[in-house]
């Protein structure tokens, strides 16, 4: 497939978590068209085997390539850490952007040398995360907590439920039993819980996610490959990018989130 700047950007996640990445992409790439795929049928990825995760990611990639996407953003930490290397080998002509926990900026910003990481079990067990720790966590203390159940709560969208609050309080206690000053959100679903976490954490703790960095990297790769779509290339100079949404299950959940973050009008999500 020959790439063209008019082709859309593909984004996939195990559910709605990647919408947090999509929102940052929209801010930095306002004239691009996007195709978002929620693989909710296989949610969550965090408790699946590496082979299962890789199988899901290949299926997602095949779908987005059929839609002629010029670049694919793997908007899922678990998918990135367990499958992006395989995807790059299997599809050498395809541009991929991954999401990894923001250990580097957290380590650099920490004044007390202690960083917390809240991520899925699949991310924390991955060889990629171990590599990240070796590169950026050698001179700091890391407290890693697997946020079991949080992805499912985000998918429900019930952020005021007392059971969710109780679960988050438990994880915050585990993360801060020995004081930290940086908390890395290592799952794209978790930014939806950021405000609640900020309220539960001590005031001095900074909460960091990867959204802005992923958007910057995506823009950089598009520019490098002369695939960036700008206002000057639009027939209508004021025309912003368009969005298409797909889901392997529960399209109403994705429609709810996209309506909240992208449009006051009803959003059509196609089930595949």
C-alpha atoms as a PDB file:
ATOM      1  CA  UNK A   1       0.000   0.000   0.000  1.00  0.00           C
ATOM      2  CA  UNK A   2       1.407   3.373  -1.001  1.00  0.00           C
ATOM      3  CA  UNK A   3       1.130   5.949   1.761  1.00  0.00           C
ATOM      4  CA  UNK A   4      -0.442   9.341   1.175  1.00  0.00           C
ATOM      5  CA  UNK A   5      -0.800  12.286   3.541  1.00  0.00           C
ATOM      6  CA  UNK A   6      -4.576  12.211   3.030  1.00  0.00           C
ATOM      7  CA  UNK A   7      -4.833   8.688   4.456  1.00  0.00           C
ATOM      8  CA  UNK A   8      -6.189   8.426   8.009  1.00  0.00           C
ATOM      9  CA  UNK A   9      -4.336   7.690  11.235  1.00  0.00           C
ATOM     10  CA  UNK A  10      -5.319   4.382  12.834  1.00  0.00           C
ATOM     11  CA  UNK A  11      -5.615   4.036  16.615  1.00  0.00           C
ATOM     12  CA  UNK A  12      -6.486   0.882  18.533  1.00  0.00           C
ATOM     13  CA  UNK A  13      -6.886  -0.179  22.145  1.00  0.00           C
ATOM     14  CA  UNK A  14      -8.551  -2.977  24.067  1.00  0.00           C
ATOM     15  CA  UNK A  15     -11.432  -0.612  24.828  1.00  0.00           C
ATOM     16  CA  UNK A  16     -12.059   3.084  25.440  1.00  0.00           C
ATOM     17  CA  UNK A  17      -8.695   3.784  27.089  1.00  0.00           C
ATOM     18  CA  UNK A  18      -7.128   4.853  23.816  1.00  0.00           C
ATOM     19  CA  UNK A  19      -9.641   7.704  23.631  1.00  0.00           C
ATOM     20  CA  UNK A  20      -7.348   9.481  26.136  1.00  0.00           C
ATOM     21  CA  UNK A  21      -4.558   9.193  23.537  1.00  0.00           C
ATOM     22  CA  UNK A  22      -6.882  10.151  20.680  1.00  0.00           C
ATOM     23  CA  UNK A  23      -7.785  13.376  22.473  1.00  0.00           C
ATOM     24  CA  UNK A  24      -4.093  14.372  22.673  1.00  0.00           C
ATOM     25  CA  UNK A  25      -3.586  13.414  19.025  1.00  0.00           C
ATOM     26  CA  UNK A  26      -6.501  15.652  18.064  1.00  0.00           C
ATOM     27  CA  UNK A  27      -4.923  18.618  19.855  1.00  0.00           C
ATOM     28  CA  UNK A  28      -1.610  18.300  18.021  1.00  0.00           C
ATOM     29  CA  UNK A  29      -2.951  16.988  14.685  1.00  0.00           C
ATOM     30  CA  UNK A  30      -6.261  18.858  14.189  1.00  0.00           C
ATOM     31  CA  UNK A  31      -6.466  18.371  10.404  1.00  0.00           C
ATOM     32  CA  UNK A  32      -5.860  14.617  10.403  1.00  0.00           C
ATOM     33  CA  UNK A  33      -8.586  12.017   9.908  1.00  0.00           C
ATOM     34  CA  UNK A  34      -8.685   9.231  12.504  1.00  0.00           C
ATOM     35  CA  UNK A  35     -10.013   5.689  12.626  1.00  0.00           C
ATOM     36  CA  UNK A  36     -10.389   4.341  16.157  1.00  0.00           C
ATOM     37  CA  UNK A  37     -10.827   0.640  16.909  1.00  0.00           C
ATOM     38  CA  UNK A  38     -11.942  -0.603  20.329  1.00  0.00           C
ATOM     39  CA  UNK A  39     -11.273  -4.324  20.733  1.00  0.00           C
ATOM     40  CA  UNK A  40     -13.755  -4.580  23.597  1.00  0.00           C
ATOM     41  CA  UNK A  41     -14.531  -8.224  22.784  1.00  0.00           C
ATOM     42  CA  UNK A  42     -11.111  -9.170  24.170  1.00  0.00           C
ATOM     43  CA  UNK A  43     -11.036  -6.682  27.050  1.00  0.00           C
ATOM     44  CA  UNK A  44      -8.943  -6.517  29.203  1.00  0.00           C
ATOM     45  CA  UNK A  45      -5.573  -7.303  27.605  1.00  0.00           C
ATOM     46  CA  UNK A  46      -3.746  -7.059  30.936  1.00  0.00           C
ATOM     47  CA  UNK A  47      -4.623 -10.578  32.106  1.00  0.00           C
ATOM     48  CA  UNK A  48      -4.095 -12.329  28.750  1.00  0.00           C
ATOM     49  CA  UNK A  49      -1.070 -14.352  27.616  1.00  0.00           C
ATOM     50  CA  UNK A  50       1.541 -12.772  25.350  1.00  0.00           C
ATOM     51  CA  UNK A  51       0.416 -14.963  22.445  1.00  0.00           C
ATOM     52  CA  UNK A  52      -3.196 -13.895  22.907  1.00  0.00           C
ATOM     53  CA  UNK A  53      -2.245 -10.220  23.030  1.00  0.00           C
ATOM     54  CA  UNK A  54      -0.144 -10.562  19.895  1.00  0.00           C
ATOM     55  CA  UNK A  55      -3.008 -12.320  18.095  1.00  0.00           C
ATOM     56  CA  UNK A  56      -5.410  -9.498  19.029  1.00  0.00           C
ATOM     57  CA  UNK A  57      -2.936  -6.856  17.863  1.00  0.00           C
ATOM     58  CA  UNK A  58      -2.396  -8.546  14.502  1.00  0.00           C
ATOM     59  CA  UNK A  59      -6.175  -8.654  13.945  1.00  0.00           C
ATOM     60  CA  UNK A  60      -6.488  -4.976  14.890  1.00  0.00           C
ATOM     61  CA  UNK A  61      -3.613  -4.044  12.576  1.00  0.00           C
ATOM     62  CA  UNK A  62      -5.108  -5.971   9.656  1.00  0.00           C
ATOM     63  CA  UNK A  63      -8.392  -4.117  10.088  1.00  0.00           C
ATOM     64  CA  UNK A  64      -6.718  -0.696  10.150  1.00  0.00           C
ATOM     65  CA  UNK A  65      -4.533  -1.527   7.148  1.00  0.00           C
ATOM     66  CA  UNK A  66      -7.681  -2.448   5.224  1.00  0.00           C
ATOM     67  CA  UNK A  67      -8.830   1.105   6.011  1.00  0.00           C
ATOM     68  CA  UNK A  68      -5.585   2.378   4.393  1.00  0.00           C
ATOM     69  CA  UNK A  69      -4.190   3.944   7.569  1.00  0.00           C
ATOM     70  CA  UNK A  70      -0.863   5.697   6.992  1.00  0.00           C
ATOM     71  CA  UNK A  71       0.324   5.136  10.573  1.00  0.00           C
ATOM     72  CA  UNK A  72      -0.992   3.016  13.449  1.00  0.00           C
ATOM     73  CA  UNK A  73      -0.946   4.161  17.067  1.00  0.00           C
ATOM     74  CA  UNK A  74      -1.015   1.225  19.470  1.00  0.00           C
ATOM     75  CA  UNK A  75      -2.860   3.164  22.176  1.00  0.00           C
ATOM     76  CA  UNK A  76      -2.505   0.483  24.818  1.00  0.00           C
ATOM     77  CA  UNK A  77       0.454  -0.031  27.154  1.00  0.00           C
ATOM     78  CA  UNK A  78      -0.072  -3.789  27.429  1.00  0.00           C
ATOM     79  CA  UNK A  79      -0.308  -4.179  23.647  1.00  0.00           C
ATOM     80  CA  UNK A  80       2.764  -2.010  23.093  1.00  0.00           C
ATOM     81  CA  UNK A  81       4.974  -3.769  25.613  1.00  0.00           C
ATOM     82  CA  UNK A  82       3.954  -7.257  24.479  1.00  0.00           C
ATOM     83  CA  UNK A  83       3.343  -6.944  20.741  1.00  0.00           C
ATOM     84  CA  UNK A  84       4.731  -3.864  18.991  1.00  0.00           C
ATOM     85  CA  UNK A  85       8.098  -5.484  18.213  1.00  0.00           C
ATOM     86  CA  UNK A  86       6.281  -8.373  16.521  1.00  0.00           C
ATOM     87  CA  UNK A  87       4.054  -5.948  14.593  1.00  0.00           C
ATOM     88  CA  UNK A  88       7.066  -4.031  13.286  1.00  0.00           C
ATOM     89  CA  UNK A  89       8.653  -7.272  12.089  1.00  0.00           C
ATOM     90  CA  UNK A  90       5.459  -8.606  10.529  1.00  0.00           C
ATOM     91  CA  UNK A  91       4.566  -5.295   8.846  1.00  0.00           C
ATOM     92  CA  UNK A  92       7.943  -3.687   8.023  1.00  0.00           C
ATOM     93  CA  UNK A  93       6.408  -1.075   5.690  1.00  0.00           C
ATOM     94  CA  UNK A  94       3.899   0.115   8.290  1.00  0.00           C
ATOM     95  CA  UNK A  95       4.627   2.983  10.682  1.00  0.00           C
ATOM     96  CA  UNK A  96       3.790   2.142  14.309  1.00  0.00           C
ATOM     97  CA  UNK A  97       3.701   4.355  17.384  1.00  0.00           C
ATOM     98  CA  UNK A  98       3.532   2.701  20.782  1.00  0.00           C
ATOM     99  CA  UNK A  99       2.667   3.776  24.313  1.00  0.00           C
ATOM    100  CA  UNK A 100       5.020   3.051  27.169  1.00  0.00           C
ATOM    101  CA  UNK A 101       4.931   4.133  30.834  1.00  0.00           C
ATOM    102  CA  UNK A 102       6.520   7.572  31.281  1.00  0.00           C
ATOM    103  CA  UNK A 103       9.344   6.359  33.516  1.00  0.00           C
ATOM    104  CA  UNK A 104      11.971   8.653  32.026  1.00  0.00           C
ATOM    105  CA  UNK A 105      10.262  11.999  32.796  1.00  0.00           C
ATOM    106  CA  UNK A 106       9.116  10.697  36.185  1.00  0.00           C
ATOM    107  CA  UNK A 107      12.638   9.613  37.140  1.00  0.00           C
ATOM    108  CA  UNK A 108      14.066  12.944  35.999  1.00  0.00           C
ATOM    109  CA  UNK A 109      11.429  14.930  37.901  1.00  0.00           C
ATOM    110  CA  UNK A 110      11.609  12.964  41.166  1.00  0.00           C
ATOM    111  CA  UNK A 111      13.254  14.924  43.995  1.00  0.00           C
ATOM    112  CA  UNK A 112      13.180  12.092  46.508  1.00  0.00           C
ATOM    113  CA  UNK A 113      14.166   9.287  44.115  1.00  0.00           C
ATOM    114  CA  UNK A 114      10.967   7.272  44.552  1.00  0.00           C
ATOM    115  CA  UNK A 115       8.435   6.786  41.736  1.00  0.00           C
ATOM    116  CA  UNK A 116       5.168   4.860  41.759  1.00  0.00           C
ATOM    117  CA  UNK A 117       3.835   3.013  38.725  1.00  0.00           C
ATOM    118  CA  UNK A 118       0.188   2.008  38.364  1.00  0.00           C
ATOM    119  CA  UNK A 119      -0.214  -0.341  35.394  1.00  0.00           C
ATOM    120  CA  UNK A 120      -1.775  -3.619  34.311  1.00  0.00           C
ATOM    121  CA  UNK A 121      -0.188  -6.902  35.311  1.00  0.00           C
ATOM    122  CA  UNK A 122       0.536  -7.567  31.628  1.00  0.00           C
ATOM    123  CA  UNK A 123       2.587  -4.384  31.328  1.00  0.00           C
ATOM    124  CA  UNK A 124       4.473  -4.860  34.592  1.00  0.00           C
ATOM    125  CA  UNK A 125       5.449  -8.450  33.684  1.00  0.00           C
ATOM    126  CA  UNK A 126       6.580  -7.609  30.151  1.00  0.00           C
ATOM    127  CA  UNK A 127      10.181  -7.668  28.972  1.00  0.00           C
ATOM    128  CA  UNK A 128       9.708  -4.159  27.580  1.00  0.00           C
ATOM    129  CA  UNK A 129       8.859  -2.802  31.021  1.00  0.00           C
ATOM    130  CA  UNK A 130      11.892  -4.557  32.474  1.00  0.00           C
ATOM    131  CA  UNK A 131      13.966  -2.866  29.776  1.00  0.00           C
ATOM    132  CA  UNK A 132      12.453   0.509  30.714  1.00  0.00           C
ATOM    133  CA  UNK A 133      13.365  -0.090  34.354  1.00  0.00           C
ATOM    134  CA  UNK A 134      16.930  -0.942  33.365  1.00  0.00           C
ATOM    135  CA  UNK A 135      17.222   2.228  31.267  1.00  0.00           C
ATOM    136  CA  UNK A 136      15.536   4.767  33.511  1.00  0.00           C
ATOM    137  CA  UNK A 137      14.967   3.161  36.909  1.00  0.00           C
ATOM    138  CA  UNK A 138      18.494   2.254  37.933  1.00  0.00           C
ATOM    139  CA  UNK A 139      19.022   5.230  40.239  1.00  0.00           C
ATOM    140  CA  UNK A 140      15.549   5.511  41.730  1.00  0.00           C
ATOM    141  CA  UNK A 141      13.242   3.319  43.763  1.00  0.00           C
ATOM    142  CA  UNK A 142      10.174   2.032  41.924  1.00  0.00           C
ATOM    143  CA  UNK A 143       6.959   0.868  43.560  1.00  0.00           C
ATOM    144  CA  UNK A 144       4.853  -0.983  40.998  1.00  0.00           C
ATOM    145  CA  UNK A 145       1.190  -1.778  41.598  1.00  0.00           C
ATOM    146  CA  UNK A 146      -1.025  -3.770  39.229  1.00  0.00           C
ATOM    147  CA  UNK A 147      -4.388  -1.998  38.991  1.00  0.00           C
ATOM    148  CA  UNK A 148      -6.544  -5.093  38.748  1.00  0.00           C
ATOM    149  CA  UNK A 149     -10.146  -4.207  37.969  1.00  0.00           C
ATOM    150  CA  UNK A 150      -9.564  -0.562  36.997  1.00  0.00           C
ATOM    151  CA  UNK A 151      -9.905  -1.106  33.247  1.00  0.00           C
ATOM    152  CA  UNK A 152     -13.303  -2.691  33.767  1.00  0.00           C
ATOM    153  CA  UNK A 153     -14.430   0.206  35.970  1.00  0.00           C
ATOM    154  CA  UNK A 154     -13.374   2.753  33.355  1.00  0.00           C
ATOM    155  CA  UNK A 155     -15.322   0.835  30.707  1.00  0.00           C
ATOM    156  CA  UNK A 156     -18.408   1.057  32.928  1.00  0.00           C
ATOM    157  CA  UNK A 157     -17.955   4.832  33.120  1.00  0.00           C
ATOM    158  CA  UNK A 158     -19.272   4.916  36.694  1.00  0.00           C
ATOM    159  CA  UNK A 159     -16.525   7.048  38.231  1.00  0.00           C
ATOM    160  CA  UNK A 160     -18.478   7.878  41.408  1.00  0.00           C
ATOM    161  CA  UNK A 161     -19.197   4.296  42.459  1.00  0.00           C
ATOM    162  CA  UNK A 162     -18.048   3.649  46.070  1.00  0.00           C
ATOM    163  CA  UNK A 163     -16.485   0.308  45.092  1.00  0.00           C
ATOM    164  CA  UNK A 164     -14.228   2.063  42.576  1.00  0.00           C
ATOM    165  CA  UNK A 165     -13.237   4.651  45.163  1.00  0.00           C
ATOM    166  CA  UNK A 166     -12.443   1.901  47.662  1.00  0.00           C
ATOM    167  CA  UNK A 167     -10.300   0.087  45.083  1.00  0.00           C
ATOM    168  CA  UNK A 168      -8.387   3.258  44.230  1.00  0.00           C
ATOM    169  CA  UNK A 169      -7.838   3.999  47.920  1.00  0.00           C
ATOM    170  CA  UNK A 170      -6.299   0.543  48.295  1.00  0.00           C
ATOM    171  CA  UNK A 171      -3.928   1.093  45.373  1.00  0.00           C
ATOM    172  CA  UNK A 172      -2.965   4.590  46.568  1.00  0.00           C
ATOM    173  CA  UNK A 173      -2.124   3.135  49.989  1.00  0.00           C
ATOM    174  CA  UNK A 174       0.090   0.477  48.382  1.00  0.00           C
ATOM    175  CA  UNK A 175       1.817   3.111  46.238  1.00  0.00           C
ATOM    176  CA  UNK A 176       2.422   5.618  49.023  1.00  0.00           C
ATOM    177  CA  UNK A 177       3.143   3.433  52.061  1.00  0.00           C
ATOM    178  CA  UNK A 178       6.722   4.561  51.432  1.00  0.00           C
ATOM    179  CA  UNK A 179       6.348   8.175  50.143  1.00  0.00           C
ATOM    180  CA  UNK A 180       6.587   8.829  46.395  1.00  0.00           C
ATOM    181  CA  UNK A 181       6.583  12.167  44.578  1.00  0.00           C
ATOM    182  CA  UNK A 182       5.761  10.925  41.041  1.00  0.00           C
ATOM    183  CA  UNK A 183       3.021   8.524  39.916  1.00  0.00           C
ATOM    184  CA  UNK A 184       3.189   7.078  36.411  1.00  0.00           C
ATOM    185  CA  UNK A 185      -0.099   5.947  34.888  1.00  0.00           C
ATOM    186  CA  UNK A 186       0.964   2.926  32.837  1.00  0.00           C
ATOM    187  CA  UNK A 187      -2.367   2.186  31.159  1.00  0.00           C
ATOM    188  CA  UNK A 188      -4.281   4.375  28.725  1.00  0.00           C
ATOM    189  CA  UNK A 189      -7.513   3.722  30.641  1.00  0.00           C
ATOM    190  CA  UNK A 190      -6.103   5.284  33.805  1.00  0.00           C
ATOM    191  CA  UNK A 191      -6.061   8.980  32.742  1.00  0.00           C
ATOM    192  CA  UNK A 192      -9.849   8.849  33.091  1.00  0.00           C
ATOM    193  CA  UNK A 193      -9.178   8.250  36.814  1.00  0.00           C
ATOM    194  CA  UNK A 194      -6.511  10.957  37.076  1.00  0.00           C
ATOM    195  CA  UNK A 195      -8.623  13.557  38.881  1.00  0.00           C
ATOM    196  CA  UNK A 196      -9.799  11.038  41.480  1.00  0.00           C
ATOM    197  CA  UNK A 197      -6.203   9.898  42.036  1.00  0.00           C
ATOM    198  CA  UNK A 198      -5.017  13.495  42.453  1.00  0.00           C
ATOM    199  CA  UNK A 199      -7.650  13.984  45.159  1.00  0.00           C
ATOM    200  CA  UNK A 200      -6.570  10.797  46.962  1.00  0.00           C
ATOM    201  CA  UNK A 201      -2.803  11.327  46.712  1.00  0.00           C
ATOM    202  CA  UNK A 202      -0.693  13.670  48.859  1.00  0.00           C
ATOM    203  CA  UNK A 203      -0.542  17.159  47.347  1.00  0.00           C
ATOM    204  CA  UNK A 204       3.128  16.927  46.357  1.00  0.00           C
ATOM    205  CA  UNK A 205       2.678  13.857  44.125  1.00  0.00           C
ATOM    206  CA  UNK A 206       2.712  14.590  40.391  1.00  0.00           C
ATOM    207  CA  UNK A 207       0.632  12.271  38.195  1.00  0.00           C
ATOM    208  CA  UNK A 208       2.101  11.587  34.741  1.00  0.00           C
ATOM    209  CA  UNK A 209       0.595   9.863  31.695  1.00  0.00           C
ATOM    210  CA  UNK A 210       1.952   9.339  28.175  1.00  0.00           C
ATOM    211  CA  UNK A 211      -0.689  11.043  26.016  1.00  0.00           C
ATOM    212  CA  UNK A 212       1.143  14.253  25.102  1.00  0.00           C
ATOM    213  CA  UNK A 213       4.403  12.412  24.399  1.00  0.00           C
ATOM    214  CA  UNK A 214       2.654   9.929  22.092  1.00  0.00           C
ATOM    215  CA  UNK A 215       1.004  12.760  20.165  1.00  0.00           C
ATOM    216  CA  UNK A 216       4.332  14.602  19.781  1.00  0.00           C
ATOM    217  CA  UNK A 217       6.040  11.441  18.545  1.00  0.00           C
ATOM    218  CA  UNK A 218       3.231  10.736  16.071  1.00  0.00           C
ATOM    219  CA  UNK A 219       3.484  14.234  14.637  1.00  0.00           C
ATOM    220  CA  UNK A 220       7.276  13.939  14.406  1.00  0.00           C
ATOM    221  CA  UNK A 221       7.122  10.639  12.506  1.00  0.00           C
ATOM    222  CA  UNK A 222       4.496  11.995  10.105  1.00  0.00           C
ATOM    223  CA  UNK A 223       6.619  15.073   9.398  1.00  0.00           C
ATOM    224  CA  UNK A 224       9.724  12.961   8.891  1.00  0.00           C
ATOM    225  CA  UNK A 225       7.897  10.795   6.346  1.00  0.00           C
ATOM    226  CA  UNK A 226       6.179  13.766   4.668  1.00  0.00           C
ATOM    227  CA  UNK A 227       2.759  12.425   5.649  1.00  0.00           C
ATOM    228  CA  UNK A 228       1.546  15.262   7.865  1.00  0.00           C
ATOM    229  CA  UNK A 229      -1.791  16.739   6.831  1.00  0.00           C
ATOM    230  CA  UNK A 230      -2.019  20.491   7.370  1.00  0.00           C
ATOM    231  CA  UNK A 231      -4.631  23.179   6.820  1.00  0.00           C
ATOM    232  CA  UNK A 232      -2.899  24.188   3.583  1.00  0.00           C
ATOM    233  CA  UNK A 233      -3.634  20.780   2.096  1.00  0.00           C
ATOM    234  CA  UNK A 234      -7.363  20.937   2.825  1.00  0.00           C
ATOM    235  CA  UNK A 235      -9.724  22.128   0.118  1.00  0.00           C
ATOM    236  CA  UNK A 236     -11.608  23.830   2.950  1.00  0.00           C
ATOM    237  CA  UNK A 237      -8.972  25.681   4.975  1.00  0.00           C
ATOM    238  CA  UNK A 238     -11.206  25.654   8.068  1.00  0.00           C
ATOM    239  CA  UNK A 239     -12.064  21.963   7.817  1.00  0.00           C
ATOM    240  CA  UNK A 240     -10.846  19.897  10.746  1.00  0.00           C
ATOM    241  CA  UNK A 241     -10.211  16.169  10.668  1.00  0.00           C
ATOM    242  CA  UNK A 242     -12.957  13.545  10.638  1.00  0.00           C
ATOM    243  CA  UNK A 243     -13.383  10.542  12.925  1.00  0.00           C
ATOM    244  CA  UNK A 244     -14.617   6.995  12.373  1.00  0.00           C
ATOM    245  CA  UNK A 245     -15.201   4.668  15.320  1.00  0.00           C
ATOM    246  CA  UNK A 246     -15.373   0.865  15.355  1.00  0.00           C
ATOM    247  CA  UNK A 247     -15.754  -1.696  18.140  1.00  0.00           C
ATOM    248  CA  UNK A 248     -15.583  -5.482  18.306  1.00  0.00           C
ATOM    249  CA  UNK A 249     -18.146  -5.390  21.149  1.00  0.00           C
ATOM    250  CA  UNK A 250     -20.154  -2.938  23.266  1.00  0.00           C
ATOM    251  CA  UNK A 251     -20.284  -0.091  20.711  1.00  0.00           C
ATOM    252  CA  UNK A 252     -22.560   1.913  23.027  1.00  0.00           C
ATOM    253  CA  UNK A 253     -19.725   2.215  25.581  1.00  0.00           C
ATOM    254  CA  UNK A 254     -17.370   3.728  23.017  1.00  0.00           C
ATOM    255  CA  UNK A 255     -20.174   5.966  21.723  1.00  0.00           C
ATOM    256  CA  UNK A 256     -20.700   7.304  25.253  1.00  0.00           C
ATOM    257  CA  UNK A 257     -17.025   8.174  25.725  1.00  0.00           C
ATOM    258  CA  UNK A 258     -16.585   9.716  22.297  1.00  0.00           C
ATOM    259  CA  UNK A 259     -19.665  11.865  22.804  1.00  0.00           C
ATOM    260  CA  UNK A 260     -18.216  13.109  26.099  1.00  0.00           C
ATOM    261  CA  UNK A 261     -14.839  14.003  24.627  1.00  0.00           C
ATOM    262  CA  UNK A 262     -15.396  14.787  20.953  1.00  0.00           C
ATOM    263  CA  UNK A 263     -18.942  15.870  20.210  1.00  0.00           C
ATOM    264  CA  UNK A 264     -22.184  16.864  21.833  1.00  0.00           C
ATOM    265  CA  UNK A 265     -23.923  15.121  18.952  1.00  0.00           C
ATOM    266  CA  UNK A 266     -24.538  11.341  18.944  1.00  0.00           C
ATOM    267  CA  UNK A 267     -21.505   9.441  17.675  1.00  0.00           C
ATOM    268  CA  UNK A 268     -21.954   6.452  15.399  1.00  0.00           C
ATOM    269  CA  UNK A 269     -19.822   3.440  16.371  1.00  0.00           C
ATOM    270  CA  UNK A 270     -19.806   0.537  13.930  1.00  0.00           C
ATOM    271  CA  UNK A 271     -19.632  -2.945  15.422  1.00  0.00           C
ATOM    272  CA  UNK A 272     -17.328  -5.297  13.503  1.00  0.00           C
END
